[in-house]
Amino acid sequence: MDLDQLHTFLEIVRLKSFSKAAQTCYRTQPAISAQVRQLEQELNTTLFERFGTKISLTVAGRIFAEHAEQILALRRRAQDSINELEKVPRGEIIIAANEATCIYVLPSVFAEFKKQFPNVQLSVDRSYGSRVVQAVLDNQADFGITQLPVQEKKLQAVKIYSDEIKLLVPAGHKLASYERVLPKDLSGEQLLLPKTGTTRARLNSWLDSVMEELIISMELDSTEMIKRFVMASLGLSFLAASHCREEEQAGKLQCVSLGPEAMIRRVGLIYRRDKSLSKAALGFIQVTLDHAGNEIGEAPNQRLRAAGS
């Protein structure tokens, strides 16, 4: 049973004629009759009584006609809802991101998106590193925000901003006056390192030459905890400079670039290449490109075309 058969059946009921229904359905009368026979066979009942050239519905036919009308009406409402969705998008968008992204990147993005798409609900799946990528791959999240590069070929990645990983020291620390610190400068210092993630992997590589001389006192998975512990002089750590801006401006912390070259991180928006993007999803990409850099002082990115590259 398909919707076309139901439409044909109801046209016969409306016009009380197989031949007239054949004309309105743009089919031959034998084709119309065949559709009715298929319905009757599937329902295991007779739908029409024939009296010469006249037809009428059987009791079963009247019952079925009521349900057929309801089914086609529901189909029309579904189509209307989908058409309306393009005019007034609604639904939910789930974003996988870590704690720092939620605090320092998403507020301005969410605020602008809600202005443009007030009927779309935004939800955050708080994840870390590879779990952000996996959440998007598994369709548990529509979008992820994570460090680039992302090697997974099933995902599209769009750069939304750049930042610098710096050494985080308490105000007045001896290393605060350095223009750049080298790994050897950290010998004998208590270090508070990120527990996992891309930044930790890059720091491990940067510190490799002096690893045996380092004192790693704690491994932490919270940006806010790292800042609090450094301010309490429990050790030195490493964070994206944008995540410490308020504390640095208040004189509570100081950030020093790593050497011999700055450690730059690129952050991107990721989503599945094979995913059909709604108007709201495309809007989220554009709003993110335009506003993700605002919180950290980077100029808005207007290149929506990059999302399709």
C-alpha atoms as a PDB file:
ATOM      1  CA  MET A   1       0.000   0.000   0.000  1.00  0.00           C
ATOM      2  CA  ASP A   2       1.375   3.385  -0.971  1.00  0.00           C
ATOM      3  CA  LEU A   3       0.172   6.986  -0.905  1.00  0.00           C
ATOM      4  CA  ASP A   4      -0.531   6.988  -4.639  1.00  0.00           C
ATOM      5  CA  GLN A   5      -2.951   4.084  -4.242  1.00  0.00           C
ATOM      6  CA  LEU A   6      -4.726   5.928  -1.442  1.00  0.00           C
ATOM      7  CA  HIS A   7      -5.014   9.059  -3.588  1.00  0.00           C
ATOM      8  CA  THR A   8      -6.461   7.030  -6.476  1.00  0.00           C
ATOM      9  CA  PHE A   9      -8.927   5.277  -4.178  1.00  0.00           C
ATOM     10  CA  LEU A  10     -10.181   8.570  -2.733  1.00  0.00           C
ATOM     11  CA  GLU A  11     -10.540  10.091  -6.213  1.00  0.00           C
ATOM     12  CA  ILE A  12     -12.802   7.187  -7.176  1.00  0.00           C
ATOM     13  CA  VAL A  13     -14.812   7.768  -3.986  1.00  0.00           C
ATOM     14  CA  ARG A  14     -15.067  11.513  -4.665  1.00  0.00           C
ATOM     15  CA  LEU A  15     -16.051  11.183  -8.319  1.00  0.00           C
ATOM     16  CA  LYS A  16     -18.020   7.917  -7.938  1.00  0.00           C
ATOM     17  CA  SER A  17     -16.441   6.767 -11.193  1.00  0.00           C
ATOM     18  CA  PHE A  18     -13.385   4.768 -12.237  1.00  0.00           C
ATOM     19  CA  SER A  19     -13.218   6.462 -15.635  1.00  0.00           C
ATOM     20  CA  LYS A  20     -13.376   9.993 -14.225  1.00  0.00           C
ATOM     21  CA  ALA A  21     -10.765   9.132 -11.595  1.00  0.00           C
ATOM     22  CA  ALA A  22      -8.529   7.809 -14.374  1.00  0.00           C
ATOM     23  CA  GLN A  23      -8.661  11.238 -16.015  1.00  0.00           C
ATOM     24  CA  THR A  24      -7.872  13.240 -12.874  1.00  0.00           C
ATOM     25  CA  CYS A  25      -5.047  10.835 -11.943  1.00  0.00           C
ATOM     26  CA  TYR A  26      -3.676  10.848 -15.514  1.00  0.00           C
ATOM     27  CA  ARG A  27      -3.892   7.073 -15.805  1.00  0.00           C
ATOM     28  CA  THR A  28      -5.776   4.565 -17.899  1.00  0.00           C
ATOM     29  CA  GLN A  29      -8.905   2.988 -16.446  1.00  0.00           C
ATOM     30  CA  PRO A  30      -7.275  -0.502 -16.380  1.00  0.00           C
ATOM     31  CA  ALA A  31      -4.401   0.963 -14.352  1.00  0.00           C
ATOM     32  CA  ILE A  32      -6.880   2.492 -11.881  1.00  0.00           C
ATOM     33  CA  SER A  33      -8.729  -0.793 -11.580  1.00  0.00           C
ATOM     34  CA  ALA A  34      -5.446  -2.616 -10.979  1.00  0.00           C
ATOM     35  CA  GLN A  35      -4.585  -0.284  -8.107  1.00  0.00           C
ATOM     36  CA  VAL A  36      -7.948  -0.942  -6.473  1.00  0.00           C
ATOM     37  CA  ARG A  37      -7.503  -4.716  -6.872  1.00  0.00           C
ATOM     38  CA  GLN A  38      -4.086  -4.471  -5.202  1.00  0.00           C
ATOM     39  CA  LEU A  39      -5.623  -2.601  -2.264  1.00  0.00           C
ATOM     40  CA  GLU A  40      -8.419  -5.129  -1.944  1.00  0.00           C
ATOM     41  CA  GLN A  41      -5.976  -8.018  -2.027  1.00  0.00           C
ATOM     42  CA  GLU A  42      -3.779  -6.400   0.619  1.00  0.00           C
ATOM     43  CA  LEU A  43      -6.753  -5.594   2.848  1.00  0.00           C
ATOM     44  CA  ASN A  44      -8.419  -8.937   2.083  1.00  0.00           C
ATOM     45  CA  THR A  45     -11.779  -7.270   1.497  1.00  0.00           C
ATOM     46  CA  THR A  46     -13.975  -5.700  -1.173  1.00  0.00           C
ATOM     47  CA  LEU A  47     -13.978  -1.902  -1.215  1.00  0.00           C
ATOM     48  CA  PHE A  48     -16.568  -1.179  -3.930  1.00  0.00           C
ATOM     49  CA  GLU A  49     -19.916  -2.666  -4.913  1.00  0.00           C
ATOM     50  CA  ARG A  50     -20.740  -2.394  -8.594  1.00  0.00           C
ATOM     51  CA  PHE A  51     -24.283  -2.004  -9.928  1.00  0.00           C
ATOM     52  CA  GLY A  52     -23.943  -1.805 -13.675  1.00  0.00           C
ATOM     53  CA  THR A  53     -22.167   1.474 -14.396  1.00  0.00           C
ATOM     54  CA  LYS A  54     -22.659   2.727 -10.839  1.00  0.00           C
ATOM     55  CA  ILE A  55     -20.400   2.031  -7.860  1.00  0.00           C
ATOM     56  CA  SER A  56     -20.725   2.484  -4.121  1.00  0.00           C
ATOM     57  CA  LEU A  57     -18.546   1.806  -1.127  1.00  0.00           C
ATOM     58  CA  THR A  58     -18.905  -1.330   0.924  1.00  0.00           C
ATOM     59  CA  VAL A  59     -18.931  -1.054   4.717  1.00  0.00           C
ATOM     60  CA  ALA A  60     -15.222  -1.904   4.680  1.00  0.00           C
ATOM     61  CA  GLY A  61     -14.720   0.670   1.937  1.00  0.00           C
ATOM     62  CA  ARG A  62     -16.324   3.429   4.013  1.00  0.00           C
ATOM     63  CA  ILE A  63     -14.130   2.580   7.000  1.00  0.00           C
ATOM     64  CA  PHE A  64     -11.028   2.479   4.835  1.00  0.00           C
ATOM     65  CA  ALA A  65     -11.918   5.800   3.165  1.00  0.00           C
ATOM     66  CA  GLU A  66     -11.945   7.542   6.566  1.00  0.00           C
ATOM     67  CA  HIS A  67      -8.489   6.209   7.394  1.00  0.00           C
ATOM     68  CA  ALA A  68      -7.141   6.959   3.902  1.00  0.00           C
ATOM     69  CA  GLU A  69      -8.244  10.591   4.267  1.00  0.00           C
ATOM     70  CA  GLN A  70      -6.522  10.796   7.661  1.00  0.00           C
ATOM     71  CA  ILE A  71      -3.313   9.308   6.242  1.00  0.00           C
ATOM     72  CA  LEU A  72      -3.181  11.755   3.330  1.00  0.00           C
ATOM     73  CA  ALA A  73      -4.060  14.656   5.636  1.00  0.00           C
ATOM     74  CA  LEU A  74      -1.202  13.649   7.922  1.00  0.00           C
ATOM     75  CA  ARG A  75       1.089  13.490   4.913  1.00  0.00           C
ATOM     76  CA  ARG A  76       0.055  17.041   3.924  1.00  0.00           C
ATOM     77  CA  ARG A  77       0.653  18.298   7.469  1.00  0.00           C
ATOM     78  CA  ALA A  78       4.084  16.677   7.476  1.00  0.00           C
ATOM     79  CA  GLN A  79       4.942  18.384   4.183  1.00  0.00           C
ATOM     80  CA  ASP A  80       3.616  21.703   5.457  1.00  0.00           C
ATOM     81  CA  SER A  81       5.735  21.379   8.603  1.00  0.00           C
ATOM     82  CA  ILE A  82       8.828  20.664   6.535  1.00  0.00           C
ATOM     83  CA  ASN A  83       8.089  23.624   4.255  1.00  0.00           C
ATOM     84  CA  GLU A  84       7.563  25.828   7.311  1.00  0.00           C
ATOM     85  CA  LEU A  85      10.869  24.622   8.724  1.00  0.00           C
ATOM     86  CA  GLU A  86      12.668  26.385   5.888  1.00  0.00           C
ATOM     87  CA  LYS A  87      10.877  29.618   6.774  1.00  0.00           C
ATOM     88  CA  VAL A  88      11.083  29.356  10.566  1.00  0.00           C
ATOM     89  CA  PRO A  89      13.761  26.767  11.479  1.00  0.00           C
ATOM     90  CA  ARG A  90      13.212  24.850  14.684  1.00  0.00           C
ATOM     91  CA  GLY A  91      14.574  21.735  16.342  1.00  0.00           C
ATOM     92  CA  GLU A  92      17.867  21.151  18.155  1.00  0.00           C
ATOM     93  CA  ILE A  93      21.569  21.490  17.349  1.00  0.00           C
ATOM     94  CA  ILE A  94      24.069  19.628  19.549  1.00  0.00           C
ATOM     95  CA  ILE A  95      27.637  20.910  19.818  1.00  0.00           C
ATOM     96  CA  ALA A  96      30.483  18.872  21.303  1.00  0.00           C
ATOM     97  CA  ALA A  97      33.167  21.065  22.877  1.00  0.00           C
ATOM     98  CA  ASN A  98      35.507  21.201  25.863  1.00  0.00           C
ATOM     99  CA  GLU A  99      35.051  23.339  28.957  1.00  0.00           C
ATOM    100  CA  ALA A 100      37.252  26.210  27.805  1.00  0.00           C
ATOM    101  CA  THR A 101      35.473  26.457  24.459  1.00  0.00           C
ATOM    102  CA  CYS A 102      32.127  26.586  26.248  1.00  0.00           C
ATOM    103  CA  ILE A 103      33.374  29.483  28.396  1.00  0.00           C
ATOM    104  CA  TYR A 104      35.520  31.507  25.993  1.00  0.00           C
ATOM    105  CA  VAL A 105      34.201  30.808  22.490  1.00  0.00           C
ATOM    106  CA  LEU A 106      30.560  29.786  22.510  1.00  0.00           C
ATOM    107  CA  PRO A 107      28.799  32.554  24.496  1.00  0.00           C
ATOM    108  CA  SER A 108      28.943  35.169  21.724  1.00  0.00           C
ATOM    109  CA  VAL A 109      28.213  32.508  19.095  1.00  0.00           C
ATOM    110  CA  PHE A 110      25.168  31.255  20.984  1.00  0.00           C
ATOM    111  CA  ALA A 111      23.891  34.764  21.678  1.00  0.00           C
ATOM    112  CA  GLU A 112      23.982  35.746  18.010  1.00  0.00           C
ATOM    113  CA  PHE A 113      22.557  32.418  16.832  1.00  0.00           C
ATOM    114  CA  LYS A 114      19.565  32.724  19.198  1.00  0.00           C
ATOM    115  CA  LYS A 115      18.852  36.179  17.781  1.00  0.00           C
ATOM    116  CA  GLN A 116      18.713  34.755  14.269  1.00  0.00           C
ATOM    117  CA  PHE A 117      17.120  31.380  15.072  1.00  0.00           C
ATOM    118  CA  PRO A 118      15.049  31.826  18.251  1.00  0.00           C
ATOM    119  CA  ASN A 119      13.110  28.579  17.775  1.00  0.00           C
ATOM    120  CA  VAL A 120      16.182  26.339  17.529  1.00  0.00           C
ATOM    121  CA  GLN A 121      17.475  24.827  20.763  1.00  0.00           C
ATOM    122  CA  LEU A 122      21.238  24.677  21.302  1.00  0.00           C
ATOM    123  CA  SER A 123      22.741  21.962  23.502  1.00  0.00           C
ATOM    124  CA  VAL A 124      26.359  21.415  24.523  1.00  0.00           C
ATOM    125  CA  ASP A 125      27.900  17.976  24.919  1.00  0.00           C
ATOM    126  CA  ARG A 126      30.930  18.676  27.099  1.00  0.00           C
ATOM    127  CA  SER A 127      33.727  16.504  25.707  1.00  0.00           C
ATOM    128  CA  TYR A 128      37.506  16.519  25.410  1.00  0.00           C
ATOM    129  CA  GLY A 129      39.935  16.048  22.522  1.00  0.00           C
ATOM    130  CA  SER A 130      39.286  12.882  20.562  1.00  0.00           C
ATOM    131  CA  ARG A 131      35.885  12.455  22.193  1.00  0.00           C
ATOM    132  CA  VAL A 132      34.684  15.591  20.394  1.00  0.00           C
ATOM    133  CA  VAL A 133      35.665  14.030  17.071  1.00  0.00           C
ATOM    134  CA  GLN A 134      34.063  10.706  17.988  1.00  0.00           C
ATOM    135  CA  ALA A 135      30.826  12.369  19.079  1.00  0.00           C
ATOM    136  CA  VAL A 136      30.479  13.966  15.643  1.00  0.00           C
ATOM    137  CA  LEU A 137      31.429  10.743  13.839  1.00  0.00           C
ATOM    138  CA  ASP A 138      28.825   8.811  15.837  1.00  0.00           C
ATOM    139  CA  ASN A 139      26.151  11.437  15.143  1.00  0.00           C
ATOM    140  CA  GLN A 140      25.841  12.100  18.861  1.00  0.00           C
ATOM    141  CA  ALA A 141      26.627  15.740  18.057  1.00  0.00           C
ATOM    142  CA  ASP A 142      25.884  17.803  14.964  1.00  0.00           C
ATOM    143  CA  PHE A 143      29.039  19.901  15.311  1.00  0.00           C
ATOM    144  CA  GLY A 144      32.279  19.767  17.256  1.00  0.00           C
ATOM    145  CA  ILE A 145      34.811  22.442  18.126  1.00  0.00           C
ATOM    146  CA  THR A 146      38.324  21.103  18.489  1.00  0.00           C
ATOM    147  CA  GLN A 147      41.975  21.728  17.685  1.00  0.00           C
ATOM    148  CA  LEU A 148      43.086  21.249  14.108  1.00  0.00           C
ATOM    149  CA  PRO A 149      44.186  19.369  12.160  1.00  0.00           C
ATOM    150  CA  VAL A 150      41.584  16.610  12.232  1.00  0.00           C
ATOM    151  CA  GLN A 151      42.662  13.700  10.065  1.00  0.00           C
ATOM    152  CA  GLU A 152      39.321  11.877   9.852  1.00  0.00           C
ATOM    153  CA  LYS A 153      38.265  11.932   6.174  1.00  0.00           C
ATOM    154  CA  LYS A 154      34.564  11.656   6.994  1.00  0.00           C
ATOM    155  CA  LEU A 155      34.659  15.069   8.627  1.00  0.00           C
ATOM    156  CA  GLN A 156      34.708  18.576   7.193  1.00  0.00           C
ATOM    157  CA  ALA A 157      36.805  21.001   9.257  1.00  0.00           C
ATOM    158  CA  VAL A 158      36.556  24.791   9.050  1.00  0.00           C
ATOM    159  CA  LYS A 159      39.081  26.958  10.896  1.00  0.00           C
ATOM    160  CA  ILE A 160      37.330  29.475  13.152  1.00  0.00           C
ATOM    161  CA  TYR A 161      40.227  31.097  15.044  1.00  0.00           C
ATOM    162  CA  SER A 162      43.886  30.827  16.057  1.00  0.00           C
ATOM    163  CA  ASP A 163      45.406  31.199  19.516  1.00  0.00           C
ATOM    164  CA  GLU A 164      48.771  30.833  21.224  1.00  0.00           C
ATOM    165  CA  ILE A 165      49.676  28.329  23.925  1.00  0.00           C
ATOM    166  CA  LYS A 166      51.719  30.143  26.580  1.00  0.00           C
ATOM    167  CA  LEU A 167      53.423  29.410  29.875  1.00  0.00           C
ATOM    168  CA  LEU A 168      51.215  30.440  32.771  1.00  0.00           C
ATOM    169  CA  VAL A 169      53.020  31.782  35.859  1.00  0.00           C
ATOM    170  CA  PRO A 170      51.924  33.542  39.068  1.00  0.00           C
ATOM    171  CA  ALA A 171      52.247  37.319  39.074  1.00  0.00           C
ATOM    172  CA  GLY A 172      55.799  38.346  39.892  1.00  0.00           C
ATOM    173  CA  HIS A 173      57.385  34.983  39.062  1.00  0.00           C
ATOM    174  CA  LYS A 174      60.977  35.187  37.819  1.00  0.00           C
ATOM    175  CA  LEU A 175      60.021  33.804  34.397  1.00  0.00           C
ATOM    176  CA  ALA A 176      57.385  36.500  33.893  1.00  0.00           C
ATOM    177  CA  SER A 177      60.049  38.893  32.597  1.00  0.00           C
ATOM    178  CA  TYR A 178      61.167  36.495  29.852  1.00  0.00           C
ATOM    179  CA  GLU A 179      60.184  37.317  26.289  1.00  0.00           C
ATOM    180  CA  ARG A 180      60.155  33.591  25.546  1.00  0.00           C
ATOM    181  CA  VAL A 181      60.845  30.549  27.703  1.00  0.00           C
ATOM    182  CA  LEU A 182      62.697  27.477  26.514  1.00  0.00           C
ATOM    183  CA  PRO A 183      62.201  23.964  27.890  1.00  0.00           C
ATOM    184  CA  LYS A 184      65.499  24.197  29.830  1.00  0.00           C
ATOM    185  CA  ASP A 185      64.163  27.243  31.701  1.00  0.00           C
ATOM    186  CA  LEU A 186      61.598  25.012  33.433  1.00  0.00           C
ATOM    187  CA  SER A 187      64.129  22.711  35.068  1.00  0.00           C
ATOM    188  CA  GLY A 188      63.302  22.399  38.755  1.00  0.00           C
ATOM    189  CA  GLU A 189      59.880  24.051  38.432  1.00  0.00           C
ATOM    190  CA  GLN A 190      56.669  22.370  39.602  1.00  0.00           C
ATOM    191  CA  LEU A 191      54.518  21.832  36.530  1.00  0.00           C
ATOM    192  CA  LEU A 192      50.744  21.425  36.265  1.00  0.00           C
ATOM    193  CA  LEU A 193      50.047  19.800  32.919  1.00  0.00           C
ATOM    194  CA  PRO A 194      46.812  19.178  31.034  1.00  0.00           C
ATOM    195  CA  LYS A 195      45.836  15.552  31.587  1.00  0.00           C
ATOM    196  CA  THR A 196      45.087  14.658  27.955  1.00  0.00           C
ATOM    197  CA  GLY A 197      44.459  16.160  24.545  1.00  0.00           C
ATOM    198  CA  THR A 198      46.248  17.744  21.605  1.00  0.00           C
ATOM    199  CA  THR A 199      47.853  20.466  23.701  1.00  0.00           C
ATOM    200  CA  ARG A 200      49.322  17.873  26.087  1.00  0.00           C
ATOM    201  CA  ALA A 201      50.752  15.915  23.161  1.00  0.00           C
ATOM    202  CA  ARG A 202      52.378  19.058  21.750  1.00  0.00           C
ATOM    203  CA  LEU A 203      53.789  20.006  25.158  1.00  0.00           C
ATOM    204  CA  ASN A 204      55.231  16.519  25.602  1.00  0.00           C
ATOM    205  CA  SER A 205      57.064  16.951  22.315  1.00  0.00           C
ATOM    206  CA  TRP A 206      58.263  20.449  23.250  1.00  0.00           C
ATOM    207  CA  LEU A 207      59.489  19.280  26.679  1.00  0.00           C
ATOM    208  CA  ASP A 208      60.996  16.022  25.463  1.00  0.00           C
ATOM    209  CA  SER A 209      64.614  17.181  25.614  1.00  0.00           C
ATOM    210  CA  VAL A 210      64.376  17.985  29.365  1.00  0.00           C
ATOM    211  CA  MET A 211      61.705  15.495  30.439  1.00  0.00           C
ATOM    212  CA  GLU A 212      63.986  13.777  32.956  1.00  0.00           C
ATOM    213  CA  GLU A 213      64.684  17.111  34.668  1.00  0.00           C
ATOM    214  CA  LEU A 214      61.033  18.162  35.013  1.00  0.00           C
ATOM    215  CA  ILE A 215      58.820  17.921  38.077  1.00  0.00           C
ATOM    216  CA  ILE A 216      55.248  17.177  37.035  1.00  0.00           C
ATOM    217  CA  SER A 217      53.326  17.669  40.247  1.00  0.00           C
ATOM    218  CA  MET A 218      49.787  17.362  38.878  1.00  0.00           C
ATOM    219  CA  GLU A 219      47.812  16.544  35.744  1.00  0.00           C
ATOM    220  CA  LEU A 220      44.534  18.449  35.486  1.00  0.00           C
ATOM    221  CA  ASP A 221      41.572  18.360  33.107  1.00  0.00           C
ATOM    222  CA  SER A 222      40.022  21.730  33.933  1.00  0.00           C
ATOM    223  CA  THR A 223      41.097  25.120  32.593  1.00  0.00           C
ATOM    224  CA  GLU A 224      39.644  26.921  35.597  1.00  0.00           C
ATOM    225  CA  MET A 225      41.395  24.563  38.013  1.00  0.00           C
ATOM    226  CA  ILE A 226      44.716  25.119  36.265  1.00  0.00           C
ATOM    227  CA  LYS A 227      44.383  28.895  36.586  1.00  0.00           C
ATOM    228  CA  ARG A 228      43.367  28.716  40.235  1.00  0.00           C
ATOM    229  CA  PHE A 229      46.266  26.419  41.117  1.00  0.00           C
ATOM    230  CA  VAL A 230      48.804  28.620  39.314  1.00  0.00           C
ATOM    231  CA  MET A 231      47.450  31.720  41.096  1.00  0.00           C
ATOM    232  CA  ALA A 232      47.893  29.802  44.361  1.00  0.00           C
ATOM    233  CA  SER A 233      51.593  29.217  43.419  1.00  0.00           C
ATOM    234  CA  LEU A 234      51.131  25.448  43.261  1.00  0.00           C
ATOM    235  CA  GLY A 235      53.049  25.302  39.995  1.00  0.00           C
ATOM    236  CA  LEU A 236      53.395  26.568  36.446  1.00  0.00           C
ATOM    237  CA  SER A 237      51.179  25.494  33.593  1.00  0.00           C
ATOM    238  CA  PHE A 238      50.300  26.057  29.952  1.00  0.00           C
ATOM    239  CA  LEU A 239      47.081  27.439  28.494  1.00  0.00           C
ATOM    240  CA  ALA A 240      45.766  29.269  25.470  1.00  0.00           C
ATOM    241  CA  ALA A 241      46.447  32.961  26.018  1.00  0.00           C
ATOM    242  CA  SER A 242      42.800  33.899  25.384  1.00  0.00           C
ATOM    243  CA  HIS A 243      41.703  31.720  28.306  1.00  0.00           C
ATOM    244  CA  CYS A 244      43.791  33.760  30.745  1.00  0.00           C
ATOM    245  CA  ARG A 245      43.155  37.269  29.464  1.00  0.00           C
ATOM    246  CA  GLU A 246      40.979  38.456  32.349  1.00  0.00           C
ATOM    247  CA  GLU A 247      43.374  37.172  35.014  1.00  0.00           C
ATOM    248  CA  GLU A 248      46.373  38.638  33.208  1.00  0.00           C
ATOM    249  CA  GLN A 249      44.709  42.043  32.866  1.00  0.00           C
ATOM    250  CA  ALA A 250      43.858  41.914  36.579  1.00  0.00           C
ATOM    251  CA  GLY A 251      47.521  41.208  37.405  1.00  0.00           C
ATOM    252  CA  LYS A 252      46.776  37.793  38.905  1.00  0.00           C
ATOM    253  CA  LEU A 253      48.646  35.774  36.277  1.00  0.00           C
ATOM    254  CA  GLN A 254      51.241  36.355  33.588  1.00  0.00           C
ATOM    255  CA  CYS A 255      51.594  34.582  30.272  1.00  0.00           C
ATOM    256  CA  VAL A 256      54.906  34.031  28.507  1.00  0.00           C
ATOM    257  CA  SER A 257      55.400  32.791  24.946  1.00  0.00           C
ATOM    258  CA  LEU A 258      57.188  29.502  24.360  1.00  0.00           C
ATOM    259  CA  GLY A 259      60.393  29.399  22.345  1.00  0.00           C
ATOM    260  CA  PRO A 260      62.238  29.206  20.138  1.00  0.00           C
ATOM    261  CA  GLU A 261      58.979  29.544  18.143  1.00  0.00           C
ATOM    262  CA  ALA A 262      55.504  30.358  19.385  1.00  0.00           C
ATOM    263  CA  MET A 263      53.180  27.389  19.858  1.00  0.00           C
ATOM    264  CA  ILE A 264      50.110  28.318  17.814  1.00  0.00           C
ATOM    265  CA  ARG A 265      46.935  26.296  17.953  1.00  0.00           C
ATOM    266  CA  ARG A 266      44.214  26.423  15.326  1.00  0.00           C
ATOM    267  CA  VAL A 267      40.663  25.693  16.391  1.00  0.00           C
ATOM    268  CA  GLY A 268      38.017  24.521  13.972  1.00  0.00           C
ATOM    269  CA  LEU A 269      34.368  23.635  13.602  1.00  0.00           C
ATOM    270  CA  ILE A 270      33.882  20.033  12.452  1.00  0.00           C
ATOM    271  CA  TYR A 271      30.871  18.177  11.057  1.00  0.00           C
ATOM    272  CA  ARG A 272      30.206  15.087   8.950  1.00  0.00           C
ATOM    273  CA  ARG A 273      30.698  15.538   5.214  1.00  0.00           C
ATOM    274  CA  ASP A 274      27.753  13.262   4.425  1.00  0.00           C
ATOM    275  CA  LYS A 275      25.322  15.010   6.756  1.00  0.00           C
ATOM    276  CA  SER A 276      22.439  16.918   5.222  1.00  0.00           C
ATOM    277  CA  LEU A 277      22.613  20.452   6.604  1.00  0.00           C
ATOM    278  CA  SER A 278      19.390  22.225   7.491  1.00  0.00           C
ATOM    279  CA  LYS A 279      18.948  25.974   7.191  1.00  0.00           C
ATOM    280  CA  ALA A 280      19.583  26.228  10.939  1.00  0.00           C
ATOM    281  CA  ALA A 281      22.783  24.148  10.683  1.00  0.00           C
ATOM    282  CA  LEU A 282      24.098  26.302   7.841  1.00  0.00           C
ATOM    283  CA  GLY A 283      23.210  29.328   9.942  1.00  0.00           C
ATOM    284  CA  PHE A 284      25.206  27.940  12.866  1.00  0.00           C
ATOM    285  CA  ILE A 285      28.266  27.533  10.635  1.00  0.00           C
ATOM    286  CA  GLN A 286      28.004  31.110   9.432  1.00  0.00           C
ATOM    287  CA  VAL A 287      27.430  32.548  12.912  1.00  0.00           C
ATOM    288  CA  THR A 288      30.397  30.580  14.242  1.00  0.00           C
ATOM    289  CA  LEU A 289      32.649  31.839  11.455  1.00  0.00           C
ATOM    290  CA  ASP A 290      31.513  35.393  12.105  1.00  0.00           C
ATOM    291  CA  HIS A 291      31.597  35.435  15.900  1.00  0.00           C
ATOM    292  CA  ALA A 292      33.853  32.696  17.308  1.00  0.00           C
ATOM    293  CA  GLY A 293      36.861  35.020  17.239  1.00  0.00           C
ATOM    294  CA  ASN A 294      35.051  37.889  18.951  1.00  0.00           C
ATOM    295  CA  GLU A 295      35.617  36.672  22.507  1.00  0.00           C
ATOM    296  CA  ILE A 296      39.351  36.275  21.928  1.00  0.00           C
ATOM    297  CA  GLY A 297      39.894  39.426  19.896  1.00  0.00           C
ATOM    298  CA  GLU A 298      40.258  37.882  16.457  1.00  0.00           C
ATOM    299  CA  ALA A 299      38.531  39.518  13.498  1.00  0.00           C
ATOM    300  CA  PRO A 300      35.305  37.829  12.357  1.00  0.00           C
ATOM    301  CA  ASN A 301      35.658  35.325   9.551  1.00  0.00           C
ATOM    302  CA  GLN A 302      33.209  35.956   6.718  1.00  0.00           C
ATOM    303  CA  ARG A 303      34.152  32.969   4.559  1.00  0.00           C
ATOM    304  CA  LEU A 304      31.169  30.645   4.612  1.00  0.00           C
ATOM    305  CA  ARG A 305      32.420  29.286   1.276  1.00  0.00           C
ATOM    306  CA  ALA A 306      35.262  27.671   3.242  1.00  0.00           C
ATOM    307  CA  ALA A 307      32.725  25.271   4.703  1.00  0.00           C
ATOM    308  CA  GLY A 308      32.247  23.680   1.312  1.00  0.00           C
ATOM    309  CA  SER A 309      35.895  23.524   0.308  1.00  0.00           C
END
